[in-house]
Amino acid sequence: LPVMVPYLRSKGLSMQEVFELQSIFSFFVLIF
């Protein structure tokens, strides 16, 4: 977790995509 954002950024994600990824996570948590 302490390097989660740098790790995701190393995969080529922008900050908007990092938050989009977390929003997708939140969306599925919301569904379930």
PDB file of all heavy atoms in Angstrom:
ATOM      1  N   LEU A   1       0.790  -1.234   0.000  1.00  0.00           N
ATOM      2  CA  LEU A   1       0.000   0.000   0.000  1.00  0.00           C
ATOM      3  C   LEU A   1       0.829   1.295   0.000  1.00  0.00           C
ATOM      4  O   LEU A   1       0.457   2.253  -0.686  1.00  0.00           O
ATOM      5  CB  LEU A   1      -0.974  -0.005   1.190  1.00  0.00           C
ATOM      6  CG  LEU A   1      -2.213   0.875   1.041  1.00  0.00           C
ATOM      7  CD1 LEU A   1      -2.980   0.546  -0.238  1.00  0.00           C
ATOM      8  CD2 LEU A   1      -3.132   0.710   2.252  1.00  0.00           C
ATOM      9  N   PRO A   2       1.945   1.386   0.745  1.00  0.00           N
ATOM     10  CA  PRO A   2       2.698   2.645   0.750  1.00  0.00           C
ATOM     11  C   PRO A   2       3.271   3.054  -0.611  1.00  0.00           C
ATOM     12  O   PRO A   2       3.612   4.229  -0.811  1.00  0.00           O
ATOM     13  CB  PRO A   2       3.838   2.368   1.742  1.00  0.00           C
ATOM     14  CG  PRO A   2       3.312   1.294   2.625  1.00  0.00           C
ATOM     15  CD  PRO A   2       2.470   0.441   1.734  1.00  0.00           C
ATOM     16  N   VAL A   3       3.393   2.096  -1.528  1.00  0.00           N
ATOM     17  CA  VAL A   3       3.931   2.419  -2.863  1.00  0.00           C
ATOM     18  C   VAL A   3       2.928   2.059  -3.950  1.00  0.00           C
ATOM     19  O   VAL A   3       3.297   1.885  -5.110  1.00  0.00           O
ATOM     20  CB  VAL A   3       5.285   1.707  -3.116  1.00  0.00           C
ATOM     21  CG1 VAL A   3       6.371   2.274  -2.207  1.00  0.00           C
ATOM     22  CG2 VAL A   3       5.155   0.195  -2.925  1.00  0.00           C
ATOM     23  N   MET A   4       1.657   1.938  -3.575  1.00  0.00           N
ATOM     24  CA  MET A   4       0.630   1.517  -4.528  1.00  0.00           C
ATOM     25  C   MET A   4       0.519   2.491  -5.701  1.00  0.00           C
ATOM     26  O   MET A   4       0.463   2.068  -6.866  1.00  0.00           O
ATOM     27  CB  MET A   4      -0.714   1.393  -3.816  1.00  0.00           C
ATOM     28  CG  MET A   4      -1.808   0.778  -4.678  1.00  0.00           C
ATOM     29  SD  MET A   4      -1.470  -0.953  -5.047  1.00  0.00           S
ATOM     30  CE  MET A   4      -3.080  -1.516  -5.552  1.00  0.00           C
ATOM     31  N   VAL A   5       0.473   3.780  -5.410  1.00  0.00           N
ATOM     32  CA  VAL A   5       0.334   4.765  -6.486  1.00  0.00           C
ATOM     33  C   VAL A   5       1.579   4.787  -7.378  1.00  0.00           C
ATOM     34  O   VAL A   5       1.452   4.740  -8.606  1.00  0.00           O
ATOM     35  CB  VAL A   5       0.008   6.158  -5.926  1.00  0.00           C
ATOM     36  CG1 VAL A   5       0.014   7.214  -7.041  1.00  0.00           C
ATOM     37  CG2 VAL A   5      -1.367   6.148  -5.246  1.00  0.00           C
ATOM     38  N   PRO A   6       2.805   4.858  -6.821  1.00  0.00           N
ATOM     39  CA  PRO A   6       3.985   4.762  -7.699  1.00  0.00           C
ATOM     40  C   PRO A   6       4.017   3.473  -8.516  1.00  0.00           C
ATOM     41  O   PRO A   6       4.453   3.481  -9.676  1.00  0.00           O
ATOM     42  CB  PRO A   6       5.166   4.819  -6.714  1.00  0.00           C
ATOM     43  CG  PRO A   6       4.633   5.562  -5.539  1.00  0.00           C
ATOM     44  CD  PRO A   6       3.193   5.146  -5.429  1.00  0.00           C
ATOM     45  N   TYR A   7       3.556   2.357  -7.916  1.00  0.00           N
ATOM     46  CA  TYR A   7       3.517   1.088  -8.642  1.00  0.00           C
ATOM     47  C   TYR A   7       2.558   1.180  -9.829  1.00  0.00           C
ATOM     48  O   TYR A   7       2.890   0.764 -10.948  1.00  0.00           O
ATOM     49  CB  TYR A   7       3.094  -0.048  -7.705  1.00  0.00           C
ATOM     50  CG  TYR A   7       2.944  -1.387  -8.390  1.00  0.00           C
ATOM     51  CD1 TYR A   7       4.060  -2.142  -8.721  1.00  0.00           C
ATOM     52  CD2 TYR A   7       1.680  -1.895  -8.710  1.00  0.00           C
ATOM     53  CE1 TYR A   7       3.928  -3.375  -9.359  1.00  0.00           C
ATOM     54  CE2 TYR A   7       1.535  -3.115  -9.345  1.00  0.00           C
ATOM     55  CZ  TYR A   7       2.662  -3.855  -9.667  1.00  0.00           C
ATOM     56  OH  TYR A   7       2.527  -5.063 -10.308  1.00  0.00           O
ATOM     57  N   LEU A   8       1.369   1.735  -9.602  1.00  0.00           N
ATOM     58  CA  LEU A   8       0.398   1.902 -10.681  1.00  0.00           C
ATOM     59  C   LEU A   8       0.905   2.882 -11.731  1.00  0.00           C
ATOM     60  O   LEU A   8       0.698   2.682 -12.932  1.00  0.00           O
ATOM     61  CB  LEU A   8      -0.947   2.375 -10.115  1.00  0.00           C
ATOM     62  CG  LEU A   8      -1.675   1.388  -9.190  1.00  0.00           C
ATOM     63  CD1 LEU A   8      -2.943   2.023  -8.621  1.00  0.00           C
ATOM     64  CD2 LEU A   8      -2.020   0.102  -9.927  1.00  0.00           C
ATOM     65  N   ARG A   9       1.573   3.923 -11.272  1.00  0.00           N
ATOM     66  CA  ARG A   9       2.146   4.897 -12.214  1.00  0.00           C
ATOM     67  C   ARG A   9       3.249   4.247 -13.062  1.00  0.00           C
ATOM     68  O   ARG A   9       3.432   4.600 -14.230  1.00  0.00           O
ATOM     69  CB  ARG A   9       2.717   6.096 -11.455  1.00  0.00           C
ATOM     70  CG  ARG A   9       1.690   6.885 -10.654  1.00  0.00           C
ATOM     71  CD  ARG A   9       0.937   7.868 -11.505  1.00  0.00           C
ATOM     72  NE  ARG A   9       1.515   9.199 -11.436  1.00  0.00           N
ATOM     73  CZ  ARG A   9       1.175  10.213 -12.206  1.00  0.00           C
ATOM     74  NH1 ARG A   9       0.239  10.041 -13.125  1.00  0.00           N
ATOM     75  NH2 ARG A   9       1.738  11.388 -12.084  1.00  0.00           N
ATOM     76  N   SER A  10       3.966   3.275 -12.477  1.00  0.00           N
ATOM     77  CA  SER A  10       5.008   2.567 -13.226  1.00  0.00           C
ATOM     78  C   SER A  10       4.417   1.705 -14.337  1.00  0.00           C
ATOM     79  O   SER A  10       5.120   1.326 -15.277  1.00  0.00           O
ATOM     80  CB  SER A  10       5.851   1.694 -12.284  1.00  0.00           C
ATOM     81  OG  SER A  10       5.131   0.534 -11.880  1.00  0.00           O
ATOM     82  N   LYS A  11       3.121   1.414 -14.225  1.00  0.00           N
ATOM     83  CA  LYS A  11       2.414   0.669 -15.271  1.00  0.00           C
ATOM     84  C   LYS A  11       1.874   1.598 -16.359  1.00  0.00           C
ATOM     85  O   LYS A  11       1.175   1.136 -17.274  1.00  0.00           O
ATOM     86  CB  LYS A  11       1.253  -0.126 -14.664  1.00  0.00           C
ATOM     87  CG  LYS A  11       1.676  -1.126 -13.603  1.00  0.00           C
ATOM     88  CD  LYS A  11       2.558  -2.214 -14.171  1.00  0.00           C
ATOM     89  CE  LYS A  11       2.922  -3.234 -13.118  1.00  0.00           C
ATOM     90  NZ  LYS A  11       3.823  -4.294 -13.657  1.00  0.00           N
ATOM     91  N   GLY A  12       2.185   2.905 -16.248  1.00  0.00           N
ATOM     92  CA  GLY A  12       1.776   3.865 -17.264  1.00  0.00           C
ATOM     93  C   GLY A  12       0.477   4.589 -16.973  1.00  0.00           C
ATOM     94  O   GLY A  12      -0.041   5.292 -17.845  1.00  0.00           O
ATOM     95  N   LEU A  13      -0.065   4.458 -15.747  1.00  0.00           N
ATOM     96  CA  LEU A  13      -1.337   5.094 -15.416  1.00  0.00           C
ATOM     97  C   LEU A  13      -1.118   6.552 -15.001  1.00  0.00           C
ATOM     98  O   LEU A  13      -0.135   6.877 -14.326  1.00  0.00           O
ATOM     99  CB  LEU A  13      -2.042   4.356 -14.276  1.00  0.00           C
ATOM    100  CG  LEU A  13      -2.903   3.132 -14.656  1.00  0.00           C
ATOM    101  CD1 LEU A  13      -2.056   2.019 -15.254  1.00  0.00           C
ATOM    102  CD2 LEU A  13      -3.659   2.635 -13.428  1.00  0.00           C
ATOM    103  N   SER A  14      -2.041   7.436 -15.405  1.00  0.00           N
ATOM    104  CA  SER A  14      -2.053   8.817 -14.936  1.00  0.00           C
ATOM    105  C   SER A  14      -2.763   8.860 -13.585  1.00  0.00           C
ATOM    106  O   SER A  14      -3.370   7.873 -13.159  1.00  0.00           O
ATOM    107  CB  SER A  14      -2.797   9.718 -15.925  1.00  0.00           C
ATOM    108  OG  SER A  14      -4.173   9.373 -15.973  1.00  0.00           O
ATOM    109  N   MET A  15      -2.718  10.018 -12.901  1.00  0.00           N
ATOM    110  CA  MET A  15      -3.435  10.133 -11.630  1.00  0.00           C
ATOM    111  C   MET A  15      -4.935   9.993 -11.835  1.00  0.00           C
ATOM    112  O   MET A  15      -5.633   9.416 -10.994  1.00  0.00           O
ATOM    113  CB  MET A  15      -3.111  11.468 -10.957  1.00  0.00           C
ATOM    114  CG  MET A  15      -1.815  11.458 -10.143  1.00  0.00           C
ATOM    115  SD  MET A  15      -1.760  10.152  -8.878  1.00  0.00           S
ATOM    116  CE  MET A  15      -3.007  10.732  -7.712  1.00  0.00           C
ATOM    117  N   GLN A  16      -5.442  10.497 -12.961  1.00  0.00           N
ATOM    118  CA  GLN A  16      -6.867  10.322 -13.239  1.00  0.00           C
ATOM    119  C   GLN A  16      -7.205   8.849 -13.371  1.00  0.00           C
ATOM    120  O   GLN A  16      -8.226   8.376 -12.850  1.00  0.00           O
ATOM    121  CB  GLN A  16      -7.272  11.068 -14.509  1.00  0.00           C
ATOM    122  CG  GLN A  16      -8.772  10.966 -14.809  1.00  0.00           C
ATOM    123  CD  GLN A  16      -9.195  11.765 -16.019  1.00  0.00           C
ATOM    124  OE1 GLN A  16      -8.448  12.593 -16.534  1.00  0.00           O
ATOM    125  NE2 GLN A  16     -10.402  11.537 -16.504  1.00  0.00           N
ATOM    126  N   GLU A  17      -6.329   8.069 -14.041  1.00  0.00           N
ATOM    127  CA  GLU A  17      -6.570   6.630 -14.206  1.00  0.00           C
ATOM    128  C   GLU A  17      -6.426   5.889 -12.876  1.00  0.00           C
ATOM    129  O   GLU A  17      -7.137   4.911 -12.633  1.00  0.00           O
ATOM    130  CB  GLU A  17      -5.600   6.061 -15.238  1.00  0.00           C
ATOM    131  CG  GLU A  17      -5.931   6.464 -16.668  1.00  0.00           C
ATOM    132  CD  GLU A  17      -4.899   5.983 -17.667  1.00  0.00           C
ATOM    133  OE1 GLU A  17      -3.692   6.046 -17.351  1.00  0.00           O
ATOM    134  OE2 GLU A  17      -5.295   5.525 -18.759  1.00  0.00           O
ATOM    135  N   VAL A  18      -5.517   6.364 -12.010  1.00  0.00           N
ATOM    136  CA  VAL A  18      -5.389   5.764 -10.677  1.00  0.00           C
ATOM    137  C   VAL A  18      -6.701   5.910  -9.916  1.00  0.00           C
ATOM    138  O   VAL A  18      -7.210   4.945  -9.321  1.00  0.00           O
ATOM    139  CB  VAL A  18      -4.232   6.423  -9.887  1.00  0.00           C
ATOM    140  CG1 VAL A  18      -4.280   5.990  -8.413  1.00  0.00           C
ATOM    141  CG2 VAL A  18      -2.885   6.056 -10.493  1.00  0.00           C
ATOM    142  N   PHE A  19      -7.277   7.115  -9.950  1.00  0.00           N
ATOM    143  CA  PHE A  19      -8.554   7.337  -9.271  1.00  0.00           C
ATOM    144  C   PHE A  19      -9.699   6.622  -9.985  1.00  0.00           C
ATOM    145  O   PHE A  19     -10.649   6.162  -9.348  1.00  0.00           O
ATOM    146  CB  PHE A  19      -8.844   8.835  -9.159  1.00  0.00           C
ATOM    147  CG  PHE A  19      -8.204   9.484  -7.962  1.00  0.00           C
ATOM    148  CD1 PHE A  19      -7.056  10.247  -8.084  1.00  0.00           C
ATOM    149  CD2 PHE A  19      -8.757   9.313  -6.707  1.00  0.00           C
ATOM    150  CE1 PHE A  19      -6.470  10.840  -6.976  1.00  0.00           C
ATOM    151  CE2 PHE A  19      -8.182   9.907  -5.586  1.00  0.00           C
ATOM    152  CZ  PHE A  19      -7.030  10.671  -5.722  1.00  0.00           C
ATOM    153  N   GLU A  20      -9.629   6.504 -11.316  1.00  0.00           N
ATOM    154  CA  GLU A  20     -10.649   5.753 -12.046  1.00  0.00           C
ATOM    155  C   GLU A  20     -10.617   4.280 -11.636  1.00  0.00           C
ATOM    156  O   GLU A  20     -11.669   3.644 -11.471  1.00  0.00           O
ATOM    157  CB  GLU A  20     -10.425   5.884 -13.555  1.00  0.00           C
ATOM    158  CG  GLU A  20     -10.839   7.235 -14.125  1.00  0.00           C
ATOM    159  CD  GLU A  20     -10.521   7.366 -15.595  1.00  0.00           C
ATOM    160  OE1 GLU A  20      -9.839   6.464 -16.145  1.00  0.00           O
ATOM    161  OE2 GLU A  20     -10.929   8.374 -16.201  1.00  0.00           O
ATOM    162  N   LEU A  21      -9.408   3.758 -11.471  1.00  0.00           N
ATOM    163  CA  LEU A  21      -9.248   2.364 -11.046  1.00  0.00           C
ATOM    164  C   LEU A  21      -9.861   2.161  -9.662  1.00  0.00           C
ATOM    165  O   LEU A  21     -10.581   1.183  -9.419  1.00  0.00           O
ATOM    166  CB  LEU A  21      -7.761   1.999 -11.025  1.00  0.00           C
ATOM    167  CG  LEU A  21      -7.398   0.517 -10.936  1.00  0.00           C
ATOM    168  CD1 LEU A  21      -7.895  -0.237 -12.158  1.00  0.00           C
ATOM    169  CD2 LEU A  21      -5.882   0.364 -10.798  1.00  0.00           C
ATOM    170  N   GLN A  22      -9.620   3.113  -8.758  1.00  0.00           N
ATOM    171  CA  GLN A  22     -10.199   3.022  -7.424  1.00  0.00           C
ATOM    172  C   GLN A  22     -11.713   3.231  -7.448  1.00  0.00           C
ATOM    173  O   GLN A  22     -12.439   2.691  -6.618  1.00  0.00           O
ATOM    174  CB  GLN A  22      -9.520   4.030  -6.488  1.00  0.00           C
ATOM    175  CG  GLN A  22      -8.071   3.721  -6.218  1.00  0.00           C
ATOM    176  CD  GLN A  22      -7.867   2.266  -5.834  1.00  0.00           C
ATOM    177  OE1 GLN A  22      -8.499   1.753  -4.904  1.00  0.00           O
ATOM    178  NE2 GLN A  22      -6.980   1.582  -6.553  1.00  0.00           N
ATOM    179  N   SER A  23     -12.183   4.027  -8.412  1.00  0.00           N
ATOM    180  CA  SER A  23     -13.628   4.222  -8.558  1.00  0.00           C
ATOM    181  C   SER A  23     -14.305   2.957  -9.065  1.00  0.00           C
ATOM    182  O   SER A  23     -15.428   2.629  -8.666  1.00  0.00           O
ATOM    183  CB  SER A  23     -13.921   5.387  -9.511  1.00  0.00           C
ATOM    184  OG  SER A  23     -13.514   6.603  -8.937  1.00  0.00           O
ATOM    185  N   ILE A  24     -13.621   2.219  -9.952  1.00  0.00           N
ATOM    186  CA  ILE A  24     -14.134   0.926 -10.409  1.00  0.00           C
ATOM    187  C   ILE A  24     -14.216  -0.042  -9.233  1.00  0.00           C
ATOM    188  O   ILE A  24     -15.208  -0.763  -9.055  1.00  0.00           O
ATOM    189  CB  ILE A  24     -13.244   0.357 -11.540  1.00  0.00           C
ATOM    190  CG1 ILE A  24     -13.399   1.211 -12.808  1.00  0.00           C
ATOM    191  CG2 ILE A  24     -13.595  -1.103 -11.829  1.00  0.00           C
ATOM    192  CD1 ILE A  24     -12.403   0.892 -13.894  1.00  0.00           C
ATOM    193  N   PHE A  25     -13.160  -0.059  -8.429  1.00  0.00           N
ATOM    194  CA  PHE A  25     -13.163  -0.861  -7.206  1.00  0.00           C
ATOM    195  C   PHE A  25     -14.356  -0.475  -6.328  1.00  0.00           C
ATOM    196  O   PHE A  25     -15.109  -1.335  -5.855  1.00  0.00           O
ATOM    197  CB  PHE A  25     -11.847  -0.635  -6.454  1.00  0.00           C
ATOM    198  CG  PHE A  25     -11.827  -1.158  -5.044  1.00  0.00           C
ATOM    199  CD1 PHE A  25     -11.608  -2.497  -4.783  1.00  0.00           C
ATOM    200  CD2 PHE A  25     -12.019  -0.297  -3.969  1.00  0.00           C
ATOM    201  CE1 PHE A  25     -11.595  -2.981  -3.479  1.00  0.00           C
ATOM    202  CE2 PHE A  25     -12.001  -0.765  -2.663  1.00  0.00           C
ATOM    203  CZ  PHE A  25     -11.788  -2.107  -2.424  1.00  0.00           C
ATOM    204  N   SER A  26     -14.546   0.837  -6.130  1.00  0.00           N
ATOM    205  CA  SER A  26     -15.647   1.323  -5.297  1.00  0.00           C
ATOM    206  C   SER A  26     -17.004   0.979  -5.901  1.00  0.00           C
ATOM    207  O   SER A  26     -17.965   0.679  -5.185  1.00  0.00           O
ATOM    208  CB  SER A  26     -15.535   2.840  -5.104  1.00  0.00           C
ATOM    209  OG  SER A  26     -14.396   3.158  -4.344  1.00  0.00           O
ATOM    210  N   PHE A  27     -17.095   1.015  -7.233  1.00  0.00           N
ATOM    211  CA  PHE A  27     -18.347   0.678  -7.909  1.00  0.00           C
ATOM    212  C   PHE A  27     -18.741  -0.765  -7.627  1.00  0.00           C
ATOM    213  O   PHE A  27     -19.908  -1.066  -7.317  1.00  0.00           O
ATOM    214  CB  PHE A  27     -18.214   0.909  -9.411  1.00  0.00           C
ATOM    215  CG  PHE A  27     -19.417   0.458 -10.205  1.00  0.00           C
ATOM    216  CD1 PHE A  27     -20.588   1.196 -10.197  1.00  0.00           C
ATOM    217  CD2 PHE A  27     -19.374  -0.712 -10.955  1.00  0.00           C
ATOM    218  CE1 PHE A  27     -21.705   0.778 -10.914  1.00  0.00           C
ATOM    219  CE2 PHE A  27     -20.478  -1.141 -11.681  1.00  0.00           C
ATOM    220  CZ  PHE A  27     -21.647  -0.383 -11.660  1.00  0.00           C
ATOM    221  N   PHE A  28     -17.779  -1.670  -7.709  1.00  0.00           N
ATOM    222  CA  PHE A  28     -18.096  -3.081  -7.471  1.00  0.00           C
ATOM    223  C   PHE A  28     -18.324  -3.358  -5.987  1.00  0.00           C
ATOM    224  O   PHE A  28     -19.135  -4.233  -5.636  1.00  0.00           O
ATOM    225  CB  PHE A  28     -17.001  -3.972  -8.051  1.00  0.00           C
ATOM    226  CG  PHE A  28     -17.144  -4.182  -9.535  1.00  0.00           C
ATOM    227  CD1 PHE A  28     -16.456  -3.378 -10.430  1.00  0.00           C
ATOM    228  CD2 PHE A  28     -17.999  -5.145 -10.031  1.00  0.00           C
ATOM    229  CE1 PHE A  28     -16.611  -3.542 -11.806  1.00  0.00           C
ATOM    230  CE2 PHE A  28     -18.164  -5.324 -11.397  1.00  0.00           C
ATOM    231  CZ  PHE A  28     -17.467  -4.524 -12.295  1.00  0.00           C
ATOM    232  N   VAL A  29     -17.626  -2.629  -5.106  1.00  0.00           N
ATOM    233  CA  VAL A  29     -17.949  -2.737  -3.683  1.00  0.00           C
ATOM    234  C   VAL A  29     -19.376  -2.281  -3.459  1.00  0.00           C
ATOM    235  O   VAL A  29     -20.140  -2.901  -2.718  1.00  0.00           O
ATOM    236  CB  VAL A  29     -16.973  -1.893  -2.832  1.00  0.00           C
ATOM    237  CG1 VAL A  29     -17.453  -1.852  -1.371  1.00  0.00           C
ATOM    238  CG2 VAL A  29     -15.569  -2.470  -2.874  1.00  0.00           C
ATOM    239  N   LEU A  30     -19.751  -1.183  -4.137  1.00  0.00           N
ATOM    240  CA  LEU A  30     -21.109  -0.636  -4.021  1.00  0.00           C
ATOM    241  C   LEU A  30     -22.148  -1.662  -4.460  1.00  0.00           C
ATOM    242  O   LEU A  30     -23.171  -1.842  -3.801  1.00  0.00           O
ATOM    243  CB  LEU A  30     -21.214   0.644  -4.855  1.00  0.00           C
ATOM    244  CG  LEU A  30     -22.504   1.464  -4.766  1.00  0.00           C
ATOM    245  CD1 LEU A  30     -22.188   2.938  -4.976  1.00  0.00           C
ATOM    246  CD2 LEU A  30     -23.531   1.024  -5.789  1.00  0.00           C
ATOM    247  N   ILE A  31     -21.875  -2.357  -5.577  1.00  0.00           N
ATOM    248  CA  ILE A  31     -22.813  -3.365  -6.086  1.00  0.00           C
ATOM    249  C   ILE A  31     -22.994  -4.513  -5.086  1.00  0.00           C
ATOM    250  O   ILE A  31     -24.108  -4.972  -4.829  1.00  0.00           O
ATOM    251  CB  ILE A  31     -22.324  -3.919  -7.446  1.00  0.00           C
ATOM    252  CG1 ILE A  31     -22.465  -2.857  -8.533  1.00  0.00           C
ATOM    253  CG2 ILE A  31     -23.127  -5.167  -7.828  1.00  0.00           C
ATOM    254  CD1 ILE A  31     -21.899  -3.287  -9.861  1.00  0.00           C
ATOM    255  N   PHE A  32     -21.870  -4.967  -4.508  1.00  0.00           N
ATOM    256  CA  PHE A  32     -21.913  -6.132  -3.625  1.00  0.00           C
ATOM    257  C   PHE A  32     -22.166  -5.772  -2.164  1.00  0.00           C
ATOM    258  O   PHE A  32     -22.458  -6.655  -1.356  1.00  0.00           O
ATOM    259  CB  PHE A  32     -20.595  -6.911  -3.723  1.00  0.00           C
ATOM    260  CG  PHE A  32     -20.337  -7.521  -5.071  1.00  0.00           C
ATOM    261  CD1 PHE A  32     -19.228  -7.150  -5.818  1.00  0.00           C
ATOM    262  CD2 PHE A  32     -21.197  -8.473  -5.592  1.00  0.00           C
ATOM    263  CE1 PHE A  32     -18.986  -7.706  -7.065  1.00  0.00           C
ATOM    264  CE2 PHE A  32     -20.964  -9.043  -6.838  1.00  0.00           C
ATOM    265  CZ  PHE A  32     -19.852  -8.653  -7.573  1.00  0.00           C
TER     266      PHE A  32
END
